[in-house]
PDB file of N, CA and C in Angstrom:
ATOM      1  N   MET A   1     -37.310   6.183  71.444  1.00  0.00           N
ATOM      2  CA  MET A   1     -36.106   6.997  70.606  1.00  0.00           C
ATOM      3  C   MET A   1     -35.799   8.009  71.606  1.00  0.00           C
ATOM      4  N   LYS A   2     -35.219   8.267  72.260  1.00  0.00           N
ATOM      5  CA  LYS A   2     -34.086   9.233  73.059  1.00  0.00           C
ATOM      6  C   LYS A   2     -34.520  10.216  72.579  1.00  0.00           C
ATOM      7  N   LYS A   3     -35.373  11.597  72.860  1.00  0.00           N
ATOM      8  CA  LYS A   3     -34.744  13.103  72.317  1.00  0.00           C
ATOM      9  C   LYS A   3     -33.768  13.719  72.974  1.00  0.00           C
ATOM     10  N   ILE A   4     -32.485  14.258  72.442  1.00  0.00           N
ATOM     11  CA  ILE A   4     -31.857  15.272  72.734  1.00  0.00           C
ATOM     12  C   ILE A   4     -32.439  17.097  72.754  1.00  0.00           C
ATOM     13  N   SER A   5     -32.426  17.535  72.676  1.00  0.00           N
ATOM     14  CA  SER A   5     -32.598  19.100  72.431  1.00  0.00           C
ATOM     15  C   SER A   5     -30.853  19.854  72.157  1.00  0.00           C
ATOM     16  N   ILE A   6     -30.495  20.143  71.353  1.00  0.00           N
ATOM     17  CA  ILE A   6     -29.277  20.778  70.641  1.00  0.00           C
ATOM     18  C   ILE A   6     -29.276  21.978  69.729  1.00  0.00           C
ATOM     19  N   HIS A   7     -28.155  22.879  70.239  1.00  0.00           N
ATOM     20  CA  HIS A   7     -28.798  24.504  69.556  1.00  0.00           C
ATOM     21  C   HIS A   7     -27.562  24.379  68.383  1.00  0.00           C
ATOM     22  N   LEU A   8     -28.275  25.139  67.463  1.00  0.00           N
ATOM     23  CA  LEU A   8     -27.821  24.769  65.619  1.00  0.00           C
ATOM     24  C   LEU A   8     -26.040  25.175  65.883  1.00  0.00           C
ATOM     25  N   PRO A   9     -25.715  25.622  66.984  1.00  0.00           N
ATOM     26  CA  PRO A   9     -23.950  26.038  66.988  1.00  0.00           C
ATOM     27  C   PRO A   9     -23.270  25.379  67.146  1.00  0.00           C
ATOM     28  N   GLU A  10     -24.220  24.145  68.156  1.00  0.00           N
ATOM     29  CA  GLU A  10     -23.876  23.147  69.205  1.00  0.00           C
ATOM     30  C   GLU A  10     -23.285  21.989  68.327  1.00  0.00           C
ATOM     31  N   LEU A  11     -24.699  21.315  67.051  1.00  0.00           N
ATOM     32  CA  LEU A  11     -24.841  20.405  66.120  1.00  0.00           C
ATOM     33  C   LEU A  11     -23.554  20.959  65.192  1.00  0.00           C
ATOM     34  N   ALA A  12     -23.442  22.278  64.582  1.00  0.00           N
ATOM     35  CA  ALA A  12     -22.313  22.909  63.863  1.00  0.00           C
ATOM     36  C   ALA A  12     -21.048  22.872  63.765  1.00  0.00           C
ATOM     37  N   LEU A  13     -20.388  22.671  65.517  1.00  0.00           N
ATOM     38  CA  LEU A  13     -19.625  21.504  66.196  1.00  0.00           C
ATOM     39  C   LEU A  13     -19.297  20.458  66.392  1.00  0.00           C
ATOM     40  N   ILE A  14     -20.101  19.456  66.660  1.00  0.00           N
ATOM     41  CA  ILE A  14     -20.000  18.503  66.836  1.00  0.00           C
ATOM     42  C   ILE A  14     -20.101  17.280  65.120  1.00  0.00           C
ATOM     43  N   VAL A  15     -21.006  18.377  64.231  1.00  0.00           N
ATOM     44  CA  VAL A  15     -21.021  17.427  62.850  1.00  0.00           C
ATOM     45  C   VAL A  15     -19.433  17.866  61.906  1.00  0.00           C
ATOM     46  N   GLY A  16     -18.736  19.285  62.665  1.00  0.00           N
ATOM     47  CA  GLY A  16     -17.230  19.520  62.309  1.00  0.00           C
ATOM     48  C   GLY A  16     -17.029  18.685  62.732  1.00  0.00           C
ATOM     49  N   THR A  17     -16.285  18.553  63.947  1.00  0.00           N
ATOM     50  CA  THR A  17     -15.148  17.765  64.940  1.00  0.00           C
ATOM     51  C   THR A  17     -15.057  16.185  63.887  1.00  0.00           C
ATOM     52  N   ARG A  18     -16.353  16.252  63.631  1.00  0.00           N
ATOM     53  CA  ARG A  18     -16.987  14.379  62.615  1.00  0.00           C
ATOM     54  C   ARG A  18     -16.209  14.484  62.093  1.00  0.00           C
ATOM     55  N   ALA A  19     -16.233  15.314  60.616  1.00  0.00           N
ATOM     56  CA  ALA A  19     -15.932  15.313  59.791  1.00  0.00           C
ATOM     57  C   ALA A  19     -14.778  15.438  59.891  1.00  0.00           C
ATOM     58  N   LEU A  20     -13.734  16.365  60.639  1.00  0.00           N
ATOM     59  CA  LEU A  20     -13.091  16.036  60.819  1.00  0.00           C
ATOM     60  C   LEU A  20     -11.956  14.649  60.944  1.00  0.00           C
ATOM     61  N   LEU A  21     -12.551  14.381  61.807  1.00  0.00           N
ATOM     62  CA  LEU A  21     -11.977  12.740  61.704  1.00  0.00           C
ATOM     63  C   LEU A  21     -12.368  11.818  60.771  1.00  0.00           C
ATOM     64  N   GLY A  22     -13.293  12.113  59.805  1.00  0.00           N
ATOM     65  CA  GLY A  22     -13.188  10.917  58.957  1.00  0.00           C
ATOM     66  C   GLY A  22     -12.638  11.590  57.755  1.00  0.00           C
ATOM     67  N   ALA A  23     -12.881  13.171  57.944  1.00  0.00           N
ATOM     68  CA  ALA A  23     -11.382  13.424  56.599  1.00  0.00           C
ATOM     69  C   ALA A  23      -9.968  12.857  57.379  1.00  0.00           C
ATOM     70  N   GLY A  24      -9.644  12.376  58.317  1.00  0.00           N
ATOM     71  CA  GLY A  24      -8.347  12.007  59.024  1.00  0.00           C
ATOM     72  C   GLY A  24      -7.932  10.723  58.241  1.00  0.00           C
ATOM     73  N   VAL A  25      -9.316   9.840  58.398  1.00  0.00           N
ATOM     74  CA  VAL A  25      -9.310   8.714  58.079  1.00  0.00           C
ATOM     75  C   VAL A  25      -9.356   8.080  56.665  1.00  0.00           C
ATOM     76  N   ALA A  26     -10.379   8.649  56.247  1.00  0.00           N
ATOM     77  CA  ALA A  26     -10.339   9.175  54.661  1.00  0.00           C
ATOM     78  C   ALA A  26      -8.277   9.297  54.428  1.00  0.00           C
ATOM     79  N   LEU A  27      -8.043  10.433  54.211  1.00  0.00           N
ATOM     80  CA  LEU A  27      -6.512  10.589  53.983  1.00  0.00           C
ATOM     81  C   LEU A  27      -5.525   9.378  54.562  1.00  0.00           C
ATOM     82  N   LEU A  28      -5.753   8.769  55.668  1.00  0.00           N
ATOM     83  CA  LEU A  28      -4.962   7.013  55.711  1.00  0.00           C
ATOM     84  C   LEU A  28      -5.207   5.790  55.025  1.00  0.00           C
ATOM     85  N   LEU A  29      -6.247   5.952  54.496  1.00  0.00           N
ATOM     86  CA  LEU A  29      -6.537   4.996  53.557  1.00  0.00           C
ATOM     87  C   LEU A  29      -6.784   5.293  51.946  1.00  0.00           C
ATOM     88  N   THR A  30      -5.914   6.072  51.869  1.00  0.00           N
ATOM     89  CA  THR A  30      -5.999   6.843  50.421  1.00  0.00           C
ATOM     90  C   THR A  30      -4.332   7.052  50.142  1.00  0.00           C
ATOM     91  N   ASP A  31      -4.557   6.879  48.408  1.00  0.00           N
ATOM     92  CA  ASP A  31      -3.232   7.167  47.673  1.00  0.00           C
ATOM     93  C   ASP A  31      -2.981   7.994  47.025  1.00  0.00           C
ATOM     94  N   LYS A  32      -4.024   8.903  47.509  1.00  0.00           N
ATOM     95  CA  LYS A  32      -3.713  10.658  46.116  1.00  0.00           C
ATOM     96  C   LYS A  32      -2.913  11.639  46.999  1.00  0.00           C
ATOM     97  N   MET A  33      -2.264  11.368  47.716  1.00  0.00           N
ATOM     98  CA  MET A  33      -0.944  12.151  48.079  1.00  0.00           C
ATOM     99  C   MET A  33       0.035  11.906  48.548  1.00  0.00           C
ATOM    100  N   GLU A  34       1.193  12.179  48.624  1.00  0.00           N
ATOM    101  CA  GLU A  34       2.980  11.693  48.777  1.00  0.00           C
ATOM    102  C   GLU A  34       2.673  11.226  50.666  1.00  0.00           C
ATOM    103  N   ARG A  35       2.652   9.664  50.429  1.00  0.00           N
ATOM    104  CA  ARG A  35       3.047   9.137  52.165  1.00  0.00           C
ATOM    105  C   ARG A  35       2.747   9.709  52.910  1.00  0.00           C
ATOM    106  N   GLU A  36       4.000  10.335  53.234  1.00  0.00           N
ATOM    107  CA  GLU A  36       4.842  11.397  54.260  1.00  0.00           C
ATOM    108  C   GLU A  36       3.825  12.470  55.092  1.00  0.00           C
ATOM    109  N   ASN A  37       2.959  13.220  53.292  1.00  0.00           N
ATOM    110  CA  ASN A  37       2.280  14.414  53.700  1.00  0.00           C
ATOM    111  C   ASN A  37       1.322  13.530  54.455  1.00  0.00           C
ATOM    112  N   ARG A  38       0.241  13.295  53.915  1.00  0.00           N
ATOM    113  CA  ARG A  38      -0.841  11.792  53.632  1.00  0.00           C
ATOM    114  C   ARG A  38      -1.039  11.564  55.390  1.00  0.00           C
ATOM    115  N   ARG A  39      -0.169  10.877  55.910  1.00  0.00           N
ATOM    116  CA  ARG A  39       0.398  10.145  56.977  1.00  0.00           C
ATOM    117  C   ARG A  39       0.241  11.594  57.650  1.00  0.00           C
ATOM    118  N   LEU A  40       0.929  12.467  57.788  1.00  0.00           N
ATOM    119  CA  LEU A  40       0.673  13.464  58.415  1.00  0.00           C
ATOM    120  C   LEU A  40      -0.739  14.297  58.928  1.00  0.00           C
ATOM    121  N   LEU A  41      -1.406  14.470  57.727  1.00  0.00           N
ATOM    122  CA  LEU A  41      -2.342  15.635  57.313  1.00  0.00           C
ATOM    123  C   LEU A  41      -3.674  13.767  58.449  1.00  0.00           C
ATOM    124  N   GLY A  42      -3.451  12.587  58.156  1.00  0.00           N
ATOM    125  CA  GLY A  42      -5.111  11.910  58.211  1.00  0.00           C
ATOM    126  C   GLY A  42      -4.739  12.230  59.647  1.00  0.00           C
ATOM    127  N   TRP A  43      -3.395  11.149  60.456  1.00  0.00           N
ATOM    128  CA  TRP A  43      -3.281  11.496  61.998  1.00  0.00           C
ATOM    129  C   TRP A  43      -3.773  12.175  62.831  1.00  0.00           C
ATOM    130  N   THR A  44      -3.028  13.749  62.233  1.00  0.00           N
ATOM    131  CA  THR A  44      -3.605  14.935  62.561  1.00  0.00           C
ATOM    132  C   THR A  44      -5.292  14.973  62.486  1.00  0.00           C
ATOM    133  N   PHE A  45      -5.663  15.061  61.216  1.00  0.00           N
ATOM    134  CA  PHE A  45      -7.387  15.706  61.281  1.00  0.00           C
ATOM    135  C   PHE A  45      -7.919  14.426  61.917  1.00  0.00           C
ATOM    136  N   ALA A  46      -7.420  13.307  62.466  1.00  0.00           N
ATOM    137  CA  ALA A  46      -7.894  11.839  63.017  1.00  0.00           C
ATOM    138  C   ALA A  46      -8.206  12.732  64.699  1.00  0.00           C
ATOM    139  N   LEU A  47      -6.726  12.849  64.948  1.00  0.00           N
ATOM    140  CA  LEU A  47      -6.536  12.695  66.194  1.00  0.00           C
ATOM    141  C   LEU A  47      -6.993  14.271  67.088  1.00  0.00           C
ATOM    142  N   VAL A  48      -7.277  15.021  66.432  1.00  0.00           N
ATOM    143  CA  VAL A  48      -7.898  16.164  66.364  1.00  0.00           C
ATOM    144  C   VAL A  48      -9.538  16.460  66.224  1.00  0.00           C
ATOM    145  N   GLY A  49      -9.833  15.465  65.471  1.00  0.00           N
ATOM    146  CA  GLY A  49     -11.382  14.972  65.093  1.00  0.00           C
ATOM    147  C   GLY A  49     -11.858  13.827  66.602  1.00  0.00           C
ATOM    148  N   ALA A  50     -11.014  13.575  67.028  1.00  0.00           N
ATOM    149  CA  ALA A  50     -11.417  12.506  68.075  1.00  0.00           C
ATOM    150  C   ALA A  50     -11.151  13.078  69.255  1.00  0.00           C
ATOM    151  N   VAL A  51      -9.926  13.867  69.800  1.00  0.00           N
ATOM    152  CA  VAL A  51      -9.949  14.642  70.795  1.00  0.00           C
ATOM    153  C   VAL A  51     -11.172  15.778  70.677  1.00  0.00           C
ATOM    154  N   THR A  52     -11.558  16.508  69.977  1.00  0.00           N
ATOM    155  CA  THR A  52     -12.513  17.324  69.994  1.00  0.00           C
ATOM    156  C   THR A  52     -14.202  16.471  70.560  1.00  0.00           C
ATOM    157  N   THR A  53     -13.957  15.572  70.262  1.00  0.00           N
ATOM    158  CA  THR A  53     -15.318  14.711  69.761  1.00  0.00           C
ATOM    159  C   THR A  53     -16.002  14.561  71.325  1.00  0.00           C
ATOM    160  N   VAL A  54     -15.212  13.820  72.198  1.00  0.00           N
ATOM    161  CA  VAL A  54     -14.947  13.055  73.701  1.00  0.00           C
ATOM    162  C   VAL A  54     -15.800  14.568  73.771  1.00  0.00           C
ATOM    163  N   PRO A  55     -15.078  15.600  74.487  1.00  0.00           N
ATOM    164  CA  PRO A  55     -15.429  16.863  75.511  1.00  0.00           C
ATOM    165  C   PRO A  55     -16.711  16.911  75.188  1.00  0.00           C
ATOM    166  N   LEU A  56     -17.366  17.353  73.873  1.00  0.00           N
ATOM    167  CA  LEU A  56     -18.670  17.646  73.208  1.00  0.00           C
ATOM    168  C   LEU A  56     -19.645  16.813  73.551  1.00  0.00           C
ATOM    169  N   ALA A  57     -18.879  15.389  73.361  1.00  0.00           N
ATOM    170  CA  ALA A  57     -20.809  14.642  73.892  1.00  0.00           C
ATOM    171  C   ALA A  57     -20.872  14.515  74.923  1.00  0.00           C
ATOM    172  N   ILE A  58     -19.768  14.365  75.518  1.00  0.00           N
ATOM    173  CA  ILE A  58     -19.603  14.754  77.449  1.00  0.00           C
ATOM    174  C   ILE A  58     -20.489  15.513  77.852  1.00  0.00           C
ATOM    175  N   GLU A  59     -20.637  16.956  77.128  1.00  0.00           N
ATOM    176  CA  GLU A  59     -20.745  17.829  77.612  1.00  0.00           C
ATOM    177  C   GLU A  59     -22.922  17.762  76.929  1.00  0.00           C
ATOM    178  N   LEU A  60     -22.799  17.548  75.952  1.00  0.00           N
ATOM    179  CA  LEU A  60     -24.288  17.937  75.142  1.00  0.00           C
ATOM    180  C   LEU A  60     -24.929  16.508  76.537  1.00  0.00           C
ATOM    181  N   PHE A  61     -24.161  15.016  76.628  1.00  0.00           N
ATOM    182  CA  PHE A  61     -24.941  14.640  77.657  1.00  0.00           C
ATOM    183  C   PHE A  61     -25.099  15.005  78.696  1.00  0.00           C
ATOM    184  N   ALA A  62     -24.395  14.968  79.106  1.00  0.00           N
ATOM    185  CA  ALA A  62     -24.170  15.801  80.763  1.00  0.00           C
ATOM    186  C   ALA A  62     -25.517  17.143  80.816  1.00  0.00           C
ATOM    187  N   GLU A  63     -25.551  17.748  79.972  1.00  0.00           N
ATOM    188  CA  GLU A  63     -26.367  19.075  80.114  1.00  0.00           C
ATOM    189  C   GLU A  63     -27.599  18.661  79.759  1.00  0.00           C
ATOM    190  N   ASN A  64     -27.844  17.254  79.010  1.00  0.00           N
ATOM    191  CA  ASN A  64     -29.639  16.763  78.736  1.00  0.00           C
ATOM    192  C   ASN A  64     -29.832  15.952  80.137  1.00  0.00           C
ATOM    193  N   ARG A  65     -29.459  15.711  80.816  1.00  0.00           N
ATOM    194  CA  ARG A  65     -29.285  14.671  81.807  1.00  0.00           C
ATOM    195  C   ARG A  65     -29.319  15.446  82.953  1.00  0.00           C
ATOM    196  N   SER A  66     -28.734  17.457  82.802  1.00  0.00           N
ATOM    197  CA  SER A  66     -29.154  17.923  84.159  1.00  0.00           C
ATOM    198  C   SER A  66     -30.915  18.909  83.965  1.00  0.00           C
ATOM    199  N   HIS A  67     -31.083  18.676  82.581  1.00  0.00           N
ATOM    200  CA  HIS A  67     -32.278  19.116  81.583  1.00  0.00           C
ATOM    201  C   HIS A  67     -33.713  18.384  82.461  1.00  0.00           C
ATOM    202  N   LYS A  68     -33.186  16.911  82.574  1.00  0.00           N
ATOM    203  CA  LYS A  68     -34.051  16.173  82.563  1.00  0.00           C
ATOM    204  C   LYS A  68     -34.795  15.944  83.649  1.00  0.00           C
ATOM    205  N   VAL A  69     -32.998  15.739  85.186  1.00  0.00           N
ATOM    206  CA  VAL A  69     -33.434  15.973  86.374  1.00  0.00           C
ATOM    207  C   VAL A  69     -34.244  17.360  87.060  1.00  0.00           C
ATOM    208  N   ASN A  70     -34.100  18.515  85.992  1.00  0.00           N
ATOM    209  CA  ASN A  70     -34.277  19.849  86.918  1.00  0.00           C
ATOM    210  C   ASN A  70     -36.001  19.525  86.849  1.00  0.00           C
ATOM    211  N   LYS A  71     -36.513  18.736  85.446  1.00  0.00           N
ATOM    212  CA  LYS A  71     -37.326  19.445  84.589  1.00  0.00           C
ATOM    213  C   LYS A  71     -38.454  17.874  85.887  1.00  0.00           C
ATOM    214  N   THR A  72     -37.825  16.810  86.460  1.00  0.00           N
ATOM    215  CA  THR A  72     -38.475  15.905  87.393  1.00  0.00           C
ATOM    216  C   THR A  72     -38.746  16.228  88.442  1.00  0.00           C
ATOM    217  N   GLN A  73     -37.831  17.007  88.861  1.00  0.00           N
ATOM    218  CA  GLN A  73     -37.816  17.794  90.378  1.00  0.00           C
ATOM    219  C   GLN A  73     -39.001  19.041  89.919  1.00  0.00           C
ATOM    220  N   MET A  74     -39.349  19.554  88.935  1.00  0.00           N
ATOM    221  CA  MET A  74     -40.246  20.450  89.145  1.00  0.00           C
ATOM    222  C   MET A  74     -42.044  19.562  88.825  1.00  0.00           C
ATOM    223  N   GLU A  75     -42.195  18.538  88.379  1.00  0.00           N
ATOM    224  CA  GLU A  75     -42.967  17.688  88.650  1.00  0.00           C
ATOM    225  C   GLU A  75     -43.534  17.613  89.691  1.00  0.00           C
ATOM    226  N   ASP A  76     -42.625  16.932  90.592  1.00  0.00           N
ATOM    227  CA  ASP A  76     -42.910  16.693  91.685  1.00  0.00           C
ATOM    228  C   ASP A  76     -43.959  17.409  92.434  1.00  0.00           C
TER     229      ASP A  76
END
């Protein structure tokens, strides 16, 4: 299993964006609100969640790769 080091604020930000994405999808699938409002909120939450998750994930994986490279270079 691959280990990734992450600080608590970064984790909270990633969890928040994923929760927003999930809330948007849930709103799109439910019938608890008026259709127009539900679709508007659902698509907004889903798109904002998806768009903000991608750069965070890229930054996280790029940061861990650079730490791995630096660690390997130091061991040589």
